[in-house]
């Protein structure tokens, strides 16, 4: 059976689970958070991932999706299992039960608004971002039987195009928030192309260094894995080191820099203590040694 919780996502279970309707085919619904109104002439900084995660666990829990996705870092937070409905689309009483109309109805909110600014660069469309983590997200929805098709067409603009009731009931696949019956939204405006499956055998060996376990990260530990991690933290603008020597030895600079990475992913408190965990390690992508 597929995993109800996306393995790459930080699990933030809101409870209040409710079943979907298996009489309908499997669906995914694409959203953007759209949390700020910016323009090409007046761009605005992207809202931090932690802020949106806090919103969906606080005042916005009644509008929470299954998954919040940061396309700039590849971070994910998941609030409901795939087997439950989420609450990110309007569902009129006595209507089509839009949040439940499928074996699964997996709703994804991409952390994005048009003309957001990240590290000094402005992004007009979601597809202009790095779309980090999209491959993992696409694979996970596919594991639940959501086909890689857009019954109403892949979104290409911020415009409304309501899906006819018979198509909504009979065709599985990906729908934009702009397509969902009973709703009036126009997002997401764009969405990355589906990830093609490789035609040949996978290359031998892991692409990235597997998580070595928290006990690996002890003071004085020397390893090329730590050197590789050091380089990735610097590349992610999480450099809190005070020296360029002994980069392959675990020390206080690694703790400070890794805590900065955890905070960049939206982790807080004890989850941002500077000691690697599987979630943050897999998001960092340390090259195999």
C-alpha atoms as a PDB file:
ATOM      1  CA  UNK A   1       0.000   0.000   0.000  1.00  0.00           C
ATOM      2  CA  UNK A   2       1.298   3.523  -0.731  1.00  0.00           C
ATOM      3  CA  UNK A   3       2.437   5.625   2.203  1.00  0.00           C
ATOM      4  CA  UNK A   4      -0.345   7.921   3.498  1.00  0.00           C
ATOM      5  CA  UNK A   5       2.384  10.318   4.671  1.00  0.00           C
ATOM      6  CA  UNK A   6       4.795  11.552   2.035  1.00  0.00           C
ATOM      7  CA  UNK A   7       8.205  10.230   3.193  1.00  0.00           C
ATOM      8  CA  UNK A   8       9.988  13.500   2.344  1.00  0.00           C
ATOM      9  CA  UNK A   9       7.492  15.660   4.258  1.00  0.00           C
ATOM     10  CA  UNK A  10       7.548  16.925   7.813  1.00  0.00           C
ATOM     11  CA  UNK A  11       4.508  15.254   9.413  1.00  0.00           C
ATOM     12  CA  UNK A  12       2.271  17.825  11.119  1.00  0.00           C
ATOM     13  CA  UNK A  13      -0.910  15.825  11.715  1.00  0.00           C
ATOM     14  CA  UNK A  14      -3.917  18.092  12.364  1.00  0.00           C
ATOM     15  CA  UNK A  15      -6.161  15.150  13.206  1.00  0.00           C
ATOM     16  CA  UNK A  16      -9.832  15.554  12.208  1.00  0.00           C
ATOM     17  CA  UNK A  17      -9.444  12.926   9.497  1.00  0.00           C
ATOM     18  CA  UNK A  18     -12.422  12.074   7.287  1.00  0.00           C
ATOM     19  CA  UNK A  19     -12.674   9.557   4.430  1.00  0.00           C
ATOM     20  CA  UNK A  20     -12.720  10.387   0.752  1.00  0.00           C
ATOM     21  CA  UNK A  21     -15.309   8.962  -1.672  1.00  0.00           C
ATOM     22  CA  UNK A  22     -13.887   5.992  -3.636  1.00  0.00           C
ATOM     23  CA  UNK A  23     -16.791   6.170  -6.099  1.00  0.00           C
ATOM     24  CA  UNK A  24     -14.792   8.905  -7.843  1.00  0.00           C
ATOM     25  CA  UNK A  25     -11.329   8.553  -9.473  1.00  0.00           C
ATOM     26  CA  UNK A  26      -8.146   9.711  -7.754  1.00  0.00           C
ATOM     27  CA  UNK A  27      -7.364  13.420  -8.033  1.00  0.00           C
ATOM     28  CA  UNK A  28      -4.787  16.003  -7.039  1.00  0.00           C
ATOM     29  CA  UNK A  29      -5.573  19.717  -6.773  1.00  0.00           C
ATOM     30  CA  UNK A  30      -2.861  22.323  -7.388  1.00  0.00           C
ATOM     31  CA  UNK A  31      -2.853  25.616  -5.459  1.00  0.00           C
ATOM     32  CA  UNK A  32      -0.502  28.468  -4.705  1.00  0.00           C
ATOM     33  CA  UNK A  33      -0.574  30.158  -1.306  1.00  0.00           C
ATOM     34  CA  UNK A  34      -1.026  33.581  -2.962  1.00  0.00           C
ATOM     35  CA  UNK A  35      -0.477  35.200   0.417  1.00  0.00           C
ATOM     36  CA  UNK A  36       0.795  38.579  -0.829  1.00  0.00           C
ATOM     37  CA  UNK A  37      -0.313  40.879  -3.648  1.00  0.00           C
ATOM     38  CA  UNK A  38       2.762  41.921  -5.606  1.00  0.00           C
ATOM     39  CA  UNK A  39       3.271  43.296  -9.109  1.00  0.00           C
ATOM     40  CA  UNK A  40       6.105  43.369 -11.609  1.00  0.00           C
ATOM     41  CA  UNK A  41       6.756  46.961 -10.578  1.00  0.00           C
ATOM     42  CA  UNK A  42       6.413  46.286  -6.862  1.00  0.00           C
ATOM     43  CA  UNK A  43       7.679  42.781  -6.031  1.00  0.00           C
ATOM     44  CA  UNK A  44       7.541  41.519  -2.452  1.00  0.00           C
ATOM     45  CA  UNK A  45       9.650  39.081  -0.437  1.00  0.00           C
ATOM     46  CA  UNK A  46       8.390  35.522  -0.231  1.00  0.00           C
ATOM     47  CA  UNK A  47       6.691  34.677   3.061  1.00  0.00           C
ATOM     48  CA  UNK A  48       8.816  32.207   5.071  1.00  0.00           C
ATOM     49  CA  UNK A  49       7.833  28.545   4.956  1.00  0.00           C
ATOM     50  CA  UNK A  50       7.561  28.500   8.759  1.00  0.00           C
ATOM     51  CA  UNK A  51       4.936  31.270   8.643  1.00  0.00           C
ATOM     52  CA  UNK A  52       2.671  29.296   6.330  1.00  0.00           C
ATOM     53  CA  UNK A  53       3.179  26.100   8.306  1.00  0.00           C
ATOM     54  CA  UNK A  54       2.198  28.045  11.419  1.00  0.00           C
ATOM     55  CA  UNK A  55      -0.869  29.459   9.662  1.00  0.00           C
ATOM     56  CA  UNK A  56      -2.154  26.027   8.633  1.00  0.00           C
ATOM     57  CA  UNK A  57      -1.680  24.694  12.151  1.00  0.00           C
ATOM     58  CA  UNK A  58      -3.289  27.794  13.699  1.00  0.00           C
ATOM     59  CA  UNK A  59      -5.926  30.184  12.392  1.00  0.00           C
ATOM     60  CA  UNK A  60      -5.851  28.585   8.939  1.00  0.00           C
ATOM     61  CA  UNK A  61      -6.333  24.958  10.001  1.00  0.00           C
ATOM     62  CA  UNK A  62      -9.874  25.093   8.563  1.00  0.00           C
ATOM     63  CA  UNK A  63      -8.314  25.735   5.129  1.00  0.00           C
ATOM     64  CA  UNK A  64      -5.330  23.402   5.358  1.00  0.00           C
ATOM     65  CA  UNK A  65      -4.285  21.289   2.351  1.00  0.00           C
ATOM     66  CA  UNK A  66      -2.634  17.913   2.527  1.00  0.00           C
ATOM     67  CA  UNK A  67       0.804  19.264   1.646  1.00  0.00           C
ATOM     68  CA  UNK A  68       2.561  22.625   1.822  1.00  0.00           C
ATOM     69  CA  UNK A  69       5.432  22.639  -0.701  1.00  0.00           C
ATOM     70  CA  UNK A  70       8.305  25.115  -0.857  1.00  0.00           C
ATOM     71  CA  UNK A  71       9.522  25.023  -4.486  1.00  0.00           C
ATOM     72  CA  UNK A  72      12.629  27.050  -3.568  1.00  0.00           C
ATOM     73  CA  UNK A  73      14.060  24.629  -0.987  1.00  0.00           C
ATOM     74  CA  UNK A  74      12.152  21.401  -1.636  1.00  0.00           C
ATOM     75  CA  UNK A  75      10.711  21.403   1.893  1.00  0.00           C
ATOM     76  CA  UNK A  76       7.311  19.852   2.576  1.00  0.00           C
ATOM     77  CA  UNK A  77       4.903  19.836   5.512  1.00  0.00           C
ATOM     78  CA  UNK A  78       1.932  17.457   5.496  1.00  0.00           C
ATOM     79  CA  UNK A  79      -1.204  18.080   7.566  1.00  0.00           C
ATOM     80  CA  UNK A  80      -3.529  15.218   6.569  1.00  0.00           C
ATOM     81  CA  UNK A  81      -2.831  11.680   5.341  1.00  0.00           C
ATOM     82  CA  UNK A  82      -3.606  10.949   1.696  1.00  0.00           C
ATOM     83  CA  UNK A  83      -6.529   8.779   2.796  1.00  0.00           C
ATOM     84  CA  UNK A  84      -8.313  11.724   4.443  1.00  0.00           C
ATOM     85  CA  UNK A  85      -9.917  14.747   2.884  1.00  0.00           C
ATOM     86  CA  UNK A  86      -8.234  18.076   3.482  1.00  0.00           C
ATOM     87  CA  UNK A  87      -9.903  21.484   3.541  1.00  0.00           C
ATOM     88  CA  UNK A  88      -8.265  23.685   0.927  1.00  0.00           C
ATOM     89  CA  UNK A  89     -11.238  24.091  -1.439  1.00  0.00           C
ATOM     90  CA  UNK A  90     -14.738  25.395  -0.775  1.00  0.00           C
ATOM     91  CA  UNK A  91     -17.265  22.588  -0.393  1.00  0.00           C
ATOM     92  CA  UNK A  92     -20.921  23.640  -0.582  1.00  0.00           C
ATOM     93  CA  UNK A  93     -23.439  21.756   1.535  1.00  0.00           C
ATOM     94  CA  UNK A  94     -25.235  19.155  -0.560  1.00  0.00           C
ATOM     95  CA  UNK A  95     -22.869  19.656  -3.508  1.00  0.00           C
ATOM     96  CA  UNK A  96     -20.147  17.484  -5.014  1.00  0.00           C
ATOM     97  CA  UNK A  97     -18.081  17.229  -1.783  1.00  0.00           C
ATOM     98  CA  UNK A  98     -15.137  18.752  -3.600  1.00  0.00           C
ATOM     99  CA  UNK A  99     -12.648  17.917  -0.849  1.00  0.00           C
ATOM    100  CA  UNK A 100     -13.636  14.223  -0.996  1.00  0.00           C
ATOM    101  CA  UNK A 101     -14.635  13.470  -4.604  1.00  0.00           C
ATOM    102  CA  UNK A 102     -12.065  10.755  -5.317  1.00  0.00           C
ATOM    103  CA  UNK A 103     -10.344   7.661  -3.987  1.00  0.00           C
ATOM    104  CA  UNK A 104      -7.897  10.348  -2.861  1.00  0.00           C
ATOM    105  CA  UNK A 105      -8.129  14.104  -3.379  1.00  0.00           C
ATOM    106  CA  UNK A 106      -4.585  15.221  -2.598  1.00  0.00           C
ATOM    107  CA  UNK A 107      -4.330  18.995  -2.311  1.00  0.00           C
ATOM    108  CA  UNK A 108      -0.991  20.771  -2.619  1.00  0.00           C
ATOM    109  CA  UNK A 109      -0.312  24.402  -1.742  1.00  0.00           C
ATOM    110  CA  UNK A 110       2.884  25.651  -3.377  1.00  0.00           C
ATOM    111  CA  UNK A 111       4.518  28.434  -1.351  1.00  0.00           C
ATOM    112  CA  UNK A 112       4.340  31.092  -4.044  1.00  0.00           C
ATOM    113  CA  UNK A 113       2.697  34.276  -5.249  1.00  0.00           C
ATOM    114  CA  UNK A 114       3.344  36.065  -8.562  1.00  0.00           C
ATOM    115  CA  UNK A 115       6.269  38.503  -8.464  1.00  0.00           C
ATOM    116  CA  UNK A 116       7.659  37.146  -5.215  1.00  0.00           C
ATOM    117  CA  UNK A 117      11.286  37.949  -4.470  1.00  0.00           C
ATOM    118  CA  UNK A 118      13.783  35.354  -3.214  1.00  0.00           C
ATOM    119  CA  UNK A 119      17.471  36.160  -2.704  1.00  0.00           C
ATOM    120  CA  UNK A 120      17.071  39.287  -4.809  1.00  0.00           C
ATOM    121  CA  UNK A 121      15.472  37.535  -7.784  1.00  0.00           C
ATOM    122  CA  UNK A 122      11.820  38.021  -8.765  1.00  0.00           C
ATOM    123  CA  UNK A 123       9.667  35.127  -9.978  1.00  0.00           C
ATOM    124  CA  UNK A 124       6.541  35.857 -12.013  1.00  0.00           C
ATOM    125  CA  UNK A 125       5.279  32.257 -12.317  1.00  0.00           C
ATOM    126  CA  UNK A 126       5.590  29.095 -10.267  1.00  0.00           C
ATOM    127  CA  UNK A 127       7.294  27.352 -13.194  1.00  0.00           C
ATOM    128  CA  UNK A 128      10.046  29.996 -13.083  1.00  0.00           C
ATOM    129  CA  UNK A 129      11.110  28.801  -9.615  1.00  0.00           C
ATOM    130  CA  UNK A 130      13.576  25.918  -9.102  1.00  0.00           C
ATOM    131  CA  UNK A 131      10.586  23.621  -8.378  1.00  0.00           C
ATOM    132  CA  UNK A 132      12.777  21.647  -5.979  1.00  0.00           C
ATOM    133  CA  UNK A 133      11.089  18.504  -4.717  1.00  0.00           C
ATOM    134  CA  UNK A 134       8.550  18.345  -7.537  1.00  0.00           C
ATOM    135  CA  UNK A 135       9.823  14.952  -8.678  1.00  0.00           C
ATOM    136  CA  UNK A 136       9.242  13.436  -5.234  1.00  0.00           C
ATOM    137  CA  UNK A 137       5.813  15.056  -4.962  1.00  0.00           C
ATOM    138  CA  UNK A 138       4.774  13.884  -8.429  1.00  0.00           C
ATOM    139  CA  UNK A 139       5.920  10.345  -7.642  1.00  0.00           C
ATOM    140  CA  UNK A 140       4.036  10.261  -4.337  1.00  0.00           C
ATOM    141  CA  UNK A 141       0.719  11.398  -5.850  1.00  0.00           C
ATOM    142  CA  UNK A 142       1.230   8.857  -8.628  1.00  0.00           C
ATOM    143  CA  UNK A 143       1.674   6.106  -6.054  1.00  0.00           C
ATOM    144  CA  UNK A 144      -1.909   6.813  -4.984  1.00  0.00           C
ATOM    145  CA  UNK A 145      -3.218   6.342  -8.505  1.00  0.00           C
ATOM    146  CA  UNK A 146      -3.433   9.997  -9.529  1.00  0.00           C
ATOM    147  CA  UNK A 147      -2.717   9.885 -13.291  1.00  0.00           C
ATOM    148  CA  UNK A 148      -0.356  12.412 -14.858  1.00  0.00           C
ATOM    149  CA  UNK A 149      -3.030  14.187 -16.868  1.00  0.00           C
ATOM    150  CA  UNK A 150      -4.839  17.527 -16.672  1.00  0.00           C
ATOM    151  CA  UNK A 151      -8.489  16.831 -17.677  1.00  0.00           C
ATOM    152  CA  UNK A 152      -9.085  20.593 -17.975  1.00  0.00           C
ATOM    153  CA  UNK A 153      -5.643  21.385 -19.381  1.00  0.00           C
ATOM    154  CA  UNK A 154      -2.438  22.331 -17.623  1.00  0.00           C
ATOM    155  CA  UNK A 155      -2.890  25.780 -16.043  1.00  0.00           C
ATOM    156  CA  UNK A 156      -1.179  28.540 -18.020  1.00  0.00           C
ATOM    157  CA  UNK A 157      -2.732  31.729 -16.633  1.00  0.00           C
ATOM    158  CA  UNK A 158      -4.531  33.108 -13.604  1.00  0.00           C
ATOM    159  CA  UNK A 159      -8.024  32.570 -14.973  1.00  0.00           C
ATOM    160  CA  UNK A 160     -11.160  30.655 -14.029  1.00  0.00           C
ATOM    161  CA  UNK A 161     -12.182  27.542 -16.010  1.00  0.00           C
ATOM    162  CA  UNK A 162     -14.763  25.530 -14.066  1.00  0.00           C
ATOM    163  CA  UNK A 163     -14.815  21.808 -14.696  1.00  0.00           C
ATOM    164  CA  UNK A 164     -18.188  20.402 -15.849  1.00  0.00           C
ATOM    165  CA  UNK A 165     -19.815  18.162 -13.246  1.00  0.00           C
ATOM    166  CA  UNK A 166     -19.722  15.025 -15.401  1.00  0.00           C
ATOM    167  CA  UNK A 167     -15.991  15.382 -16.090  1.00  0.00           C
ATOM    168  CA  UNK A 168     -15.242  16.097 -12.415  1.00  0.00           C
ATOM    169  CA  UNK A 169     -17.065  12.907 -11.444  1.00  0.00           C
ATOM    170  CA  UNK A 170     -15.599  10.665 -14.140  1.00  0.00           C
ATOM    171  CA  UNK A 171     -12.010  11.750 -14.815  1.00  0.00           C
ATOM    172  CA  UNK A 172      -9.091  11.440 -12.460  1.00  0.00           C
ATOM    173  CA  UNK A 173      -5.859  13.417 -12.673  1.00  0.00           C
ATOM    174  CA  UNK A 174      -4.602  16.857 -11.765  1.00  0.00           C
ATOM    175  CA  UNK A 175      -6.916  19.847 -11.464  1.00  0.00           C
ATOM    176  CA  UNK A 176      -6.067  23.472 -10.811  1.00  0.00           C
ATOM    177  CA  UNK A 177      -7.891  25.243  -8.003  1.00  0.00           C
ATOM    178  CA  UNK A 178      -9.290  27.305 -10.897  1.00  0.00           C
ATOM    179  CA  UNK A 179     -10.993  24.157 -12.243  1.00  0.00           C
ATOM    180  CA  UNK A 180     -12.756  22.915  -9.106  1.00  0.00           C
ATOM    181  CA  UNK A 181     -16.574  23.153  -9.107  1.00  0.00           C
ATOM    182  CA  UNK A 182     -18.184  25.424  -6.481  1.00  0.00           C
ATOM    183  CA  UNK A 183     -14.980  27.485  -6.198  1.00  0.00           C
ATOM    184  CA  UNK A 184     -14.127  30.898  -7.680  1.00  0.00           C
ATOM    185  CA  UNK A 185     -10.315  30.969  -7.466  1.00  0.00           C
ATOM    186  CA  UNK A 186      -7.970  31.456 -10.422  1.00  0.00           C
ATOM    187  CA  UNK A 187      -4.774  29.870  -9.099  1.00  0.00           C
ATOM    188  CA  UNK A 188      -2.175  28.417  -9.508  1.00  0.00           C
ATOM    189  CA  UNK A 189      -1.520  30.142 -12.875  1.00  0.00           C
ATOM    190  CA  UNK A 190       1.164  27.601 -13.839  1.00  0.00           C
ATOM    191  CA  UNK A 191       2.461  24.244 -12.644  1.00  0.00           C
ATOM    192  CA  UNK A 192       5.590  22.213 -13.471  1.00  0.00           C
ATOM    193  CA  UNK A 193       5.453  19.516 -16.131  1.00  0.00           C
ATOM    194  CA  UNK A 194       5.061  15.939 -14.999  1.00  0.00           C
ATOM    195  CA  UNK A 195       8.303  14.101 -14.380  1.00  0.00           C
ATOM    196  CA  UNK A 196       9.029  11.571 -17.119  1.00  0.00           C
ATOM    197  CA  UNK A 197       9.971   8.112 -16.004  1.00  0.00           C
ATOM    198  CA  UNK A 198      13.475   7.056 -17.108  1.00  0.00           C
ATOM    199  CA  UNK A 199      13.441   4.688 -20.087  1.00  0.00           C
ATOM    200  CA  UNK A 200      16.600   2.807 -19.106  1.00  0.00           C
ATOM    201  CA  UNK A 201      17.970   1.272 -15.923  1.00  0.00           C
ATOM    202  CA  UNK A 202      18.797   3.538 -13.013  1.00  0.00           C
ATOM    203  CA  UNK A 203      22.461   4.366 -12.504  1.00  0.00           C
ATOM    204  CA  UNK A 204      24.222   2.149 -10.005  1.00  0.00           C
ATOM    205  CA  UNK A 205      24.673   3.489  -6.504  1.00  0.00           C
ATOM    206  CA  UNK A 206      22.930   6.284  -4.595  1.00  0.00           C
ATOM    207  CA  UNK A 207      22.911   9.777  -5.983  1.00  0.00           C
ATOM    208  CA  UNK A 208      23.046  11.355  -2.530  1.00  0.00           C
ATOM    209  CA  UNK A 209      24.612  10.325   0.741  1.00  0.00           C
ATOM    210  CA  UNK A 210      22.042   8.412   2.828  1.00  0.00           C
ATOM    211  CA  UNK A 211      21.230   9.678   6.296  1.00  0.00           C
ATOM    212  CA  UNK A 212      23.856   8.159   8.630  1.00  0.00           C
ATOM    213  CA  UNK A 213      21.757   8.514  11.811  1.00  0.00           C
ATOM    214  CA  UNK A 214      21.886  11.132  14.548  1.00  0.00           C
ATOM    215  CA  UNK A 215      24.521   9.198  16.515  1.00  0.00           C
ATOM    216  CA  UNK A 216      26.979   9.762  13.654  1.00  0.00           C
ATOM    217  CA  UNK A 217      27.219  13.466  14.458  1.00  0.00           C
ATOM    218  CA  UNK A 218      29.472  13.439  17.502  1.00  0.00           C
ATOM    219  CA  UNK A 219      32.085  16.072  18.427  1.00  0.00           C
ATOM    220  CA  UNK A 220      35.379  15.279  16.727  1.00  0.00           C
ATOM    221  CA  UNK A 221      33.914  12.855  14.163  1.00  0.00           C
ATOM    222  CA  UNK A 222      36.020  13.046  10.987  1.00  0.00           C
ATOM    223  CA  UNK A 223      34.478  11.973   7.691  1.00  0.00           C
ATOM    224  CA  UNK A 224      34.187  13.055   4.035  1.00  0.00           C
ATOM    225  CA  UNK A 225      30.425  12.984   4.631  1.00  0.00           C
ATOM    226  CA  UNK A 226      30.816  15.941   6.990  1.00  0.00           C
ATOM    227  CA  UNK A 227      32.930  17.774   4.414  1.00  0.00           C
ATOM    228  CA  UNK A 228      30.218  17.215   1.819  1.00  0.00           C
ATOM    229  CA  UNK A 229      27.583  18.473   4.244  1.00  0.00           C
ATOM    230  CA  UNK A 230      29.731  21.542   4.970  1.00  0.00           C
ATOM    231  CA  UNK A 231      29.858  22.393   1.258  1.00  0.00           C
ATOM    232  CA  UNK A 232      26.095  22.013   0.856  1.00  0.00           C
ATOM    233  CA  UNK A 233      25.355  24.220   3.873  1.00  0.00           C
ATOM    234  CA  UNK A 234      27.591  26.936   2.451  1.00  0.00           C
ATOM    235  CA  UNK A 235      25.855  26.594  -0.928  1.00  0.00           C
ATOM    236  CA  UNK A 236      22.449  26.988   0.773  1.00  0.00           C
ATOM    237  CA  UNK A 237      23.571  30.269   2.400  1.00  0.00           C
ATOM    238  CA  UNK A 238      23.605  28.628   5.850  1.00  0.00           C
ATOM    239  CA  UNK A 239      27.298  29.306   6.494  1.00  0.00           C
ATOM    240  CA  UNK A 240      27.723  29.977  10.195  1.00  0.00           C
ATOM    241  CA  UNK A 241      31.312  28.738  10.272  1.00  0.00           C
ATOM    242  CA  UNK A 242      34.134  30.801  11.751  1.00  0.00           C
ATOM    243  CA  UNK A 243      36.978  28.811  10.164  1.00  0.00           C
ATOM    244  CA  UNK A 244      37.733  27.039   6.885  1.00  0.00           C
ATOM    245  CA  UNK A 245      39.962  24.427   8.522  1.00  0.00           C
ATOM    246  CA  UNK A 246      38.956  20.874   9.476  1.00  0.00           C
ATOM    247  CA  UNK A 247      35.827  21.025   7.341  1.00  0.00           C
ATOM    248  CA  UNK A 248      35.564  17.234   7.573  1.00  0.00           C
ATOM    249  CA  UNK A 249      35.391  17.276  11.403  1.00  0.00           C
ATOM    250  CA  UNK A 250      32.051  17.737  13.205  1.00  0.00           C
ATOM    251  CA  UNK A 251      32.172  20.747  15.514  1.00  0.00           C
ATOM    252  CA  UNK A 252      30.295  23.808  16.816  1.00  0.00           C
ATOM    253  CA  UNK A 253      30.313  25.523  13.402  1.00  0.00           C
ATOM    254  CA  UNK A 254      28.495  22.537  11.924  1.00  0.00           C
ATOM    255  CA  UNK A 255      25.857  22.721  14.650  1.00  0.00           C
ATOM    256  CA  UNK A 256      25.274  26.439  14.052  1.00  0.00           C
ATOM    257  CA  UNK A 257      25.187  26.057  10.274  1.00  0.00           C
ATOM    258  CA  UNK A 258      22.936  23.015  10.320  1.00  0.00           C
ATOM    259  CA  UNK A 259      20.537  24.798  12.702  1.00  0.00           C
ATOM    260  CA  UNK A 260      20.341  27.613  10.132  1.00  0.00           C
ATOM    261  CA  UNK A 261      19.420  25.019   7.482  1.00  0.00           C
ATOM    262  CA  UNK A 262      16.734  23.505   9.713  1.00  0.00           C
ATOM    263  CA  UNK A 263      15.279  26.954  10.323  1.00  0.00           C
ATOM    264  CA  UNK A 264      15.305  27.638   6.571  1.00  0.00           C
ATOM    265  CA  UNK A 265      13.153  24.527   6.159  1.00  0.00           C
ATOM    266  CA  UNK A 266      10.667  25.901   8.687  1.00  0.00           C
ATOM    267  CA  UNK A 267      11.682  23.729  11.625  1.00  0.00           C
ATOM    268  CA  UNK A 268      11.462  25.205  15.097  1.00  0.00           C
ATOM    269  CA  UNK A 269      12.422  24.509  18.714  1.00  0.00           C
ATOM    270  CA  UNK A 270      14.026  21.138  19.339  1.00  0.00           C
ATOM    271  CA  UNK A 271      13.628  20.262  15.655  1.00  0.00           C
ATOM    272  CA  UNK A 272      16.124  23.036  14.822  1.00  0.00           C
ATOM    273  CA  UNK A 273      18.843  22.089  17.311  1.00  0.00           C
ATOM    274  CA  UNK A 274      21.625  21.745  14.736  1.00  0.00           C
ATOM    275  CA  UNK A 275      21.717  17.931  14.831  1.00  0.00           C
ATOM    276  CA  UNK A 276      20.753  16.394  11.472  1.00  0.00           C
ATOM    277  CA  UNK A 277      17.546  14.378  11.224  1.00  0.00           C
ATOM    278  CA  UNK A 278      16.353  12.338   8.264  1.00  0.00           C
ATOM    279  CA  UNK A 279      13.892  14.965   6.970  1.00  0.00           C
ATOM    280  CA  UNK A 280      16.396  17.831   6.881  1.00  0.00           C
ATOM    281  CA  UNK A 281      19.246  15.596   5.673  1.00  0.00           C
ATOM    282  CA  UNK A 282      17.267  14.283   2.712  1.00  0.00           C
ATOM    283  CA  UNK A 283      16.326  17.861   1.754  1.00  0.00           C
ATOM    284  CA  UNK A 284      19.990  18.987   1.899  1.00  0.00           C
ATOM    285  CA  UNK A 285      21.141  16.486  -0.754  1.00  0.00           C
ATOM    286  CA  UNK A 286      24.724  15.749   0.291  1.00  0.00           C
ATOM    287  CA  UNK A 287      26.529  14.142  -2.681  1.00  0.00           C
ATOM    288  CA  UNK A 288      27.523  10.516  -2.168  1.00  0.00           C
ATOM    289  CA  UNK A 289      31.135   9.883  -1.154  1.00  0.00           C
END
